């Protein structure tokens, strides 16, 4: 089981790095857009996976690989908290507040939308 989760985490981490890097490279703003979009996409995907696991026979191993491994490696709470703290230390309180509020609200909404679309 650990190898399944580890492989998924490895792939999810690489996907996160590449996508966040490309977003940051192309769109340079104070707001941590790369981490924000990666987390919202991850929430959407895990909603889809949850709905699919309810209506199809996805094995426990595949759910571990995709949800815990890939989605867990792809999304990142530690980067979210560090970037929020960095914004606050740089007196970007509006951006910090927006980042936290939008991440939570849109993250939950994305999970719900992904779930609802596949249910």
N, C-alpha and C. Protein backbone atom coordinates (compact mmCIF):
# COMPACT_ATOMS: atom_id res chain seq x y z
N UNK A 1 0.82 -1.19 0.00
CA UNK A 1 0.00 0.00 0.00
C UNK A 1 0.87 1.26 0.00
N UNK A 2 1.96 1.23 0.76
CA UNK A 2 2.84 2.40 0.82
C UNK A 2 3.47 2.71 -0.53
N UNK A 3 3.80 1.68 -1.29
CA UNK A 3 4.36 1.91 -2.62
C UNK A 3 3.33 2.52 -3.56
N UNK A 4 2.09 2.08 -3.44
CA UNK A 4 1.01 2.63 -4.27
C UNK A 4 0.83 4.11 -3.97
N UNK A 5 0.73 4.46 -2.69
CA UNK A 5 0.57 5.86 -2.29
C UNK A 5 1.82 6.65 -2.67
N UNK A 6 3.00 6.07 -2.44
CA UNK A 6 4.25 6.76 -2.76
C UNK A 6 4.40 7.07 -4.24
N UNK A 7 4.05 6.12 -5.10
CA UNK A 7 4.12 6.35 -6.54
C UNK A 7 3.14 7.45 -6.95
N UNK A 8 1.93 7.39 -6.42
CA UNK A 8 0.94 8.43 -6.72
C UNK A 8 1.41 9.80 -6.24
N UNK A 9 1.98 9.84 -5.03
CA UNK A 9 2.49 11.11 -4.48
C UNK A 9 3.62 11.66 -5.32
N UNK A 10 4.49 10.78 -5.77
CA UNK A 10 5.60 11.17 -6.65
C UNK A 10 5.07 11.83 -7.92
N UNK A 11 4.11 11.18 -8.56
CA UNK A 11 3.54 11.72 -9.79
C UNK A 11 2.77 13.02 -9.53
N UNK A 12 1.98 13.06 -8.46
CA UNK A 12 1.23 14.26 -8.12
C UNK A 12 2.15 15.43 -7.79
N UNK A 13 3.24 15.16 -7.08
CA UNK A 13 4.20 16.21 -6.75
C UNK A 13 4.87 16.79 -7.98
N UNK A 14 5.22 15.94 -8.92
CA UNK A 14 5.82 16.42 -10.17
C UNK A 14 4.81 17.26 -10.95
N UNK A 15 3.58 16.79 -11.03
CA UNK A 15 2.53 17.56 -11.73
C UNK A 15 2.34 18.93 -11.08
N UNK A 16 2.32 18.95 -9.73
CA UNK A 16 2.17 20.21 -9.01
C UNK A 16 3.31 21.16 -9.32
N UNK A 17 4.52 20.67 -9.26
CA UNK A 17 5.69 21.51 -9.51
C UNK A 17 5.64 22.10 -10.93
N UNK A 18 5.38 21.27 -11.90
CA UNK A 18 5.36 21.73 -13.29
C UNK A 18 4.25 22.74 -13.51
N UNK A 19 3.05 22.44 -13.06
CA UNK A 19 1.92 23.35 -13.28
C UNK A 19 2.11 24.67 -12.54
N UNK A 20 2.50 24.61 -11.27
CA UNK A 20 2.71 25.84 -10.49
C UNK A 20 3.83 26.67 -11.09
N UNK A 21 4.90 26.01 -11.55
CA UNK A 21 6.01 26.73 -12.18
C UNK A 21 5.55 27.42 -13.45
N UNK A 22 4.82 26.71 -14.30
CA UNK A 22 4.35 27.31 -15.55
C UNK A 22 3.42 28.49 -15.30
N UNK A 23 2.54 28.37 -14.32
CA UNK A 23 1.63 29.47 -14.00
C UNK A 23 2.41 30.66 -13.49
N UNK A 24 3.34 30.42 -12.56
CA UNK A 24 4.14 31.50 -11.99
C UNK A 24 5.03 32.15 -13.06
N UNK A 25 5.57 31.34 -13.96
CA UNK A 25 6.45 31.84 -15.01
C UNK A 25 5.70 32.72 -16.00
N UNK A 26 4.48 32.33 -16.33
CA UNK A 26 3.70 33.08 -17.32
C UNK A 26 2.92 34.25 -16.73
N UNK A 27 2.49 34.12 -15.48
CA UNK A 27 1.67 35.16 -14.84
C UNK A 27 2.35 35.56 -13.54
N UNK A 28 3.10 36.62 -13.57
CA UNK A 28 3.83 37.04 -12.38
C UNK A 28 3.04 38.10 -11.63
N UNK A 29 2.42 37.68 -10.54
CA UNK A 29 1.63 38.56 -9.69
C UNK A 29 2.00 38.29 -8.24
N UNK A 30 1.60 39.19 -7.36
CA UNK A 30 1.86 39.01 -5.92
C UNK A 30 1.06 37.83 -5.38
N UNK A 31 -0.16 37.67 -5.85
CA UNK A 31 -1.05 36.59 -5.41
C UNK A 31 -0.44 35.24 -5.80
N UNK A 32 -0.40 34.27 -4.89
CA UNK A 32 0.19 32.96 -5.20
C UNK A 32 -0.74 32.11 -6.08
N UNK A 33 -0.84 32.51 -7.33
CA UNK A 33 -1.79 31.91 -8.26
C UNK A 33 -1.49 30.45 -8.55
N UNK A 34 -0.22 30.07 -8.65
CA UNK A 34 0.13 28.68 -8.93
C UNK A 34 -0.41 27.73 -7.88
N UNK A 35 -0.11 28.01 -6.62
CA UNK A 35 -0.60 27.15 -5.53
C UNK A 35 -2.12 27.18 -5.47
N UNK A 36 -2.71 28.35 -5.66
CA UNK A 36 -4.16 28.49 -5.62
C UNK A 36 -4.82 27.59 -6.67
N UNK A 37 -4.37 27.70 -7.93
CA UNK A 37 -4.99 26.93 -9.00
C UNK A 37 -4.75 25.43 -8.85
N UNK A 38 -3.55 25.06 -8.43
CA UNK A 38 -3.24 23.65 -8.20
C UNK A 38 -4.19 23.07 -7.14
N UNK A 39 -4.40 23.80 -6.06
CA UNK A 39 -5.28 23.30 -5.00
C UNK A 39 -6.74 23.22 -5.45
N UNK A 40 -7.19 24.19 -6.23
CA UNK A 40 -8.58 24.17 -6.73
C UNK A 40 -8.76 23.00 -7.71
N UNK A 41 -7.80 22.81 -8.60
CA UNK A 41 -7.87 21.68 -9.54
C UNK A 41 -7.87 20.36 -8.78
N UNK A 42 -7.01 20.25 -7.78
CA UNK A 42 -6.96 19.03 -6.97
C UNK A 42 -8.28 18.76 -6.26
N UNK A 43 -8.92 19.80 -5.74
CA UNK A 43 -10.23 19.65 -5.10
C UNK A 43 -11.27 19.15 -6.10
N UNK A 44 -11.25 19.69 -7.30
CA UNK A 44 -12.18 19.28 -8.35
C UNK A 44 -11.97 17.80 -8.70
N UNK A 45 -10.71 17.41 -8.87
CA UNK A 45 -10.39 16.03 -9.24
C UNK A 45 -10.79 15.05 -8.13
N UNK A 46 -10.55 15.42 -6.88
CA UNK A 46 -10.91 14.49 -5.80
C UNK A 46 -12.44 14.37 -5.67
N UNK A 47 -13.17 15.43 -6.02
CA UNK A 47 -14.63 15.32 -6.06
C UNK A 47 -15.08 14.33 -7.13
N UNK A 48 -14.44 14.39 -8.28
CA UNK A 48 -14.72 13.44 -9.36
C UNK A 48 -14.41 12.01 -8.91
N UNK A 49 -13.25 11.83 -8.29
CA UNK A 49 -12.85 10.50 -7.84
C UNK A 49 -13.83 9.94 -6.80
N UNK A 50 -14.27 10.80 -5.89
CA UNK A 50 -15.22 10.37 -4.87
C UNK A 50 -16.53 9.92 -5.50
N UNK A 51 -17.03 10.69 -6.46
CA UNK A 51 -18.28 10.32 -7.13
C UNK A 51 -18.11 9.03 -7.92
N UNK A 52 -17.01 8.89 -8.63
CA UNK A 52 -16.77 7.67 -9.40
C UNK A 52 -16.65 6.45 -8.51
N UNK A 53 -16.04 6.62 -7.35
CA UNK A 53 -15.88 5.48 -6.44
C UNK A 53 -17.22 5.03 -5.86
N UNK A 54 -18.17 5.94 -5.82
CA UNK A 54 -19.50 5.58 -5.32
C UNK A 54 -20.33 4.82 -6.35
N UNK A 55 -20.10 5.11 -7.63
CA UNK A 55 -20.96 4.50 -8.64
C UNK A 55 -20.29 3.40 -9.45
N UNK A 56 -18.99 3.24 -9.31
CA UNK A 56 -18.29 2.18 -10.03
C UNK A 56 -17.45 1.37 -9.05
N UNK A 57 -17.00 0.25 -9.51
CA UNK A 57 -16.21 -0.64 -8.65
C UNK A 57 -14.72 -0.29 -8.79
N UNK A 58 -14.31 0.82 -8.19
CA UNK A 58 -12.90 1.18 -8.17
C UNK A 58 -12.29 0.51 -6.93
N UNK A 59 -11.23 -0.22 -7.15
CA UNK A 59 -10.64 -0.95 -6.03
C UNK A 59 -10.03 0.02 -5.01
N UNK A 60 -9.88 -0.48 -3.81
CA UNK A 60 -9.28 0.29 -2.73
C UNK A 60 -7.88 0.77 -3.12
N UNK A 61 -7.13 -0.07 -3.80
CA UNK A 61 -5.77 0.28 -4.20
C UNK A 61 -5.76 1.46 -5.18
N UNK A 62 -6.67 1.43 -6.14
CA UNK A 62 -6.74 2.53 -7.10
C UNK A 62 -7.18 3.83 -6.43
N UNK A 63 -8.11 3.74 -5.49
CA UNK A 63 -8.53 4.93 -4.75
C UNK A 63 -7.36 5.49 -3.96
N UNK A 64 -6.58 4.63 -3.34
CA UNK A 64 -5.38 5.08 -2.63
C UNK A 64 -4.41 5.76 -3.58
N UNK A 65 -4.18 5.14 -4.73
CA UNK A 65 -3.24 5.69 -5.71
C UNK A 65 -3.67 7.08 -6.18
N UNK A 66 -4.94 7.22 -6.56
CA UNK A 66 -5.41 8.50 -7.10
C UNK A 66 -5.69 9.55 -6.03
N UNK A 67 -6.50 9.20 -5.02
CA UNK A 67 -6.92 10.20 -4.04
C UNK A 67 -5.81 10.54 -3.06
N UNK A 68 -5.30 9.54 -2.36
CA UNK A 68 -4.27 9.80 -1.36
C UNK A 68 -2.94 10.11 -2.03
N UNK A 69 -2.59 9.35 -3.06
CA UNK A 69 -1.31 9.53 -3.72
C UNK A 69 -1.25 10.75 -4.63
N UNK A 70 -1.90 10.66 -5.77
CA UNK A 70 -1.79 11.74 -6.77
C UNK A 70 -2.39 13.05 -6.24
N UNK A 71 -3.63 13.02 -5.76
CA UNK A 71 -4.23 14.27 -5.28
C UNK A 71 -3.51 14.80 -4.04
N UNK A 72 -3.10 13.90 -3.15
CA UNK A 72 -2.35 14.33 -1.97
C UNK A 72 -1.00 14.93 -2.32
N UNK A 73 -0.34 14.36 -3.31
CA UNK A 73 0.94 14.91 -3.76
C UNK A 73 0.78 16.16 -4.60
N UNK A 74 -0.35 16.26 -5.28
CA UNK A 74 -0.60 17.41 -6.18
C UNK A 74 -0.97 18.66 -5.40
N UNK A 75 -1.85 18.52 -4.43
CA UNK A 75 -2.27 19.68 -3.64
C UNK A 75 -1.32 19.86 -2.48
N UNK A 76 -1.30 21.05 -1.91
CA UNK A 76 -0.32 21.30 -0.86
C UNK A 76 -0.81 22.32 0.15
N UNK A 77 -1.04 21.85 1.36
CA UNK A 77 -1.45 22.76 2.42
C UNK A 77 -0.25 23.52 2.99
N UNK A 78 0.90 22.88 3.00
CA UNK A 78 2.08 23.55 3.54
C UNK A 78 2.49 24.75 2.69
N UNK A 79 2.44 24.62 1.38
CA UNK A 79 2.75 25.77 0.51
C UNK A 79 1.69 26.85 0.68
N UNK A 80 0.45 26.44 0.82
CA UNK A 80 -0.65 27.38 1.06
C UNK A 80 -0.38 28.20 2.33
N UNK A 81 -0.02 27.52 3.42
CA UNK A 81 0.20 28.24 4.67
C UNK A 81 1.45 29.11 4.61
N UNK A 82 2.52 28.63 3.97
CA UNK A 82 3.73 29.44 3.84
C UNK A 82 3.49 30.68 2.98
N UNK A 83 2.79 30.52 1.88
CA UNK A 83 2.53 31.67 1.02
C UNK A 83 1.59 32.66 1.69
N UNK A 84 0.65 32.18 2.48
CA UNK A 84 -0.21 33.09 3.25
C UNK A 84 0.62 33.88 4.25
N UNK A 85 1.48 33.18 4.97
CA UNK A 85 2.33 33.84 5.95
C UNK A 85 3.28 34.85 5.28
N UNK A 86 3.81 34.51 4.13
CA UNK A 86 4.69 35.42 3.39
C UNK A 86 3.94 36.68 2.98
N UNK A 87 2.73 36.52 2.49
CA UNK A 87 1.92 37.69 2.14
C UNK A 87 1.68 38.56 3.36
N UNK A 88 1.39 37.94 4.50
CA UNK A 88 1.14 38.71 5.72
C UNK A 88 2.41 39.44 6.18
N UNK A 89 3.54 38.78 6.11
CA UNK A 89 4.81 39.41 6.53
C UNK A 89 5.19 40.56 5.61
N UNK A 90 4.74 40.50 4.35
CA UNK A 90 5.02 41.56 3.39
C UNK A 90 3.91 42.62 3.36
N UNK A 91 3.08 42.62 4.39
CA UNK A 91 1.97 43.57 4.52
C UNK A 91 1.00 43.53 3.35
N UNK A 92 0.85 42.36 2.75
CA UNK A 92 -0.13 42.16 1.68
C UNK A 92 -1.36 41.48 2.30
N UNK A 93 -1.95 42.16 3.28
CA UNK A 93 -3.03 41.55 4.05
C UNK A 93 -4.28 41.27 3.21
N UNK A 94 -4.56 42.13 2.27
CA UNK A 94 -5.72 41.90 1.40
C UNK A 94 -5.51 40.63 0.57
N UNK A 95 -4.33 40.49 -0.02
CA UNK A 95 -4.03 39.28 -0.80
C UNK A 95 -4.04 38.04 0.08
N UNK A 96 -3.51 38.15 1.29
CA UNK A 96 -3.51 37.01 2.21
C UNK A 96 -4.94 36.60 2.55
N UNK A 97 -5.78 37.56 2.86
CA UNK A 97 -7.18 37.27 3.17
C UNK A 97 -7.92 36.67 1.99
N UNK A 98 -7.69 37.24 0.81
CA UNK A 98 -8.32 36.70 -0.40
C UNK A 98 -7.84 35.28 -0.67
N UNK A 99 -6.56 35.05 -0.51
CA UNK A 99 -5.98 33.73 -0.76
C UNK A 99 -6.63 32.69 0.15
N UNK A 100 -6.73 32.99 1.42
CA UNK A 100 -7.33 32.05 2.38
C UNK A 100 -8.82 31.85 2.07
N UNK A 101 -9.55 32.94 1.95
CA UNK A 101 -11.00 32.83 1.74
C UNK A 101 -11.33 32.14 0.41
N UNK A 102 -10.69 32.58 -0.66
CA UNK A 102 -10.97 31.98 -1.97
C UNK A 102 -10.54 30.52 -2.03
N UNK A 103 -9.42 30.20 -1.39
CA UNK A 103 -8.95 28.81 -1.40
C UNK A 103 -9.95 27.89 -0.72
N UNK A 104 -10.45 28.30 0.43
CA UNK A 104 -11.41 27.46 1.16
C UNK A 104 -12.75 27.40 0.42
N UNK A 105 -13.27 28.55 0.05
CA UNK A 105 -14.59 28.58 -0.59
C UNK A 105 -14.57 27.90 -1.95
N UNK A 106 -13.62 28.26 -2.80
CA UNK A 106 -13.57 27.66 -4.13
C UNK A 106 -13.10 26.22 -4.10
N UNK A 107 -12.26 25.87 -3.11
CA UNK A 107 -11.85 24.48 -2.96
C UNK A 107 -13.05 23.58 -2.65
N UNK A 108 -13.85 24.00 -1.69
CA UNK A 108 -15.06 23.23 -1.36
C UNK A 108 -16.03 23.21 -2.53
N UNK A 109 -16.20 24.34 -3.19
CA UNK A 109 -17.10 24.41 -4.34
C UNK A 109 -16.61 23.51 -5.47
N UNK A 110 -15.30 23.48 -5.71
CA UNK A 110 -14.74 22.65 -6.77
C UNK A 110 -14.93 21.17 -6.48
N UNK A 111 -14.74 20.78 -5.22
CA UNK A 111 -14.97 19.39 -4.84
C UNK A 111 -16.44 19.03 -5.06
N UNK A 112 -17.34 19.90 -4.65
CA UNK A 112 -18.77 19.68 -4.83
C UNK A 112 -19.14 19.59 -6.31
N UNK A 113 -18.59 20.49 -7.13
CA UNK A 113 -18.90 20.49 -8.56
C UNK A 113 -18.37 19.22 -9.22
N UNK A 114 -17.14 18.84 -8.91
CA UNK A 114 -16.58 17.61 -9.46
C UNK A 114 -17.41 16.40 -9.08
N UNK A 115 -17.81 16.34 -7.82
CA UNK A 115 -18.64 15.25 -7.32
C UNK A 115 -19.99 15.24 -8.04
N UNK A 116 -20.62 16.41 -8.12
CA UNK A 116 -21.96 16.51 -8.71
C UNK A 116 -21.93 16.16 -10.20
N UNK A 117 -20.91 16.57 -10.92
CA UNK A 117 -20.84 16.28 -12.35
C UNK A 117 -20.71 14.78 -12.65
N UNK A 118 -20.11 14.07 -11.74
CA UNK A 118 -19.87 12.63 -11.99
C UNK A 118 -20.81 11.71 -11.25
N UNK A 119 -21.67 12.28 -10.44
CA UNK A 119 -22.59 11.43 -9.67
C UNK A 119 -23.69 10.88 -10.55
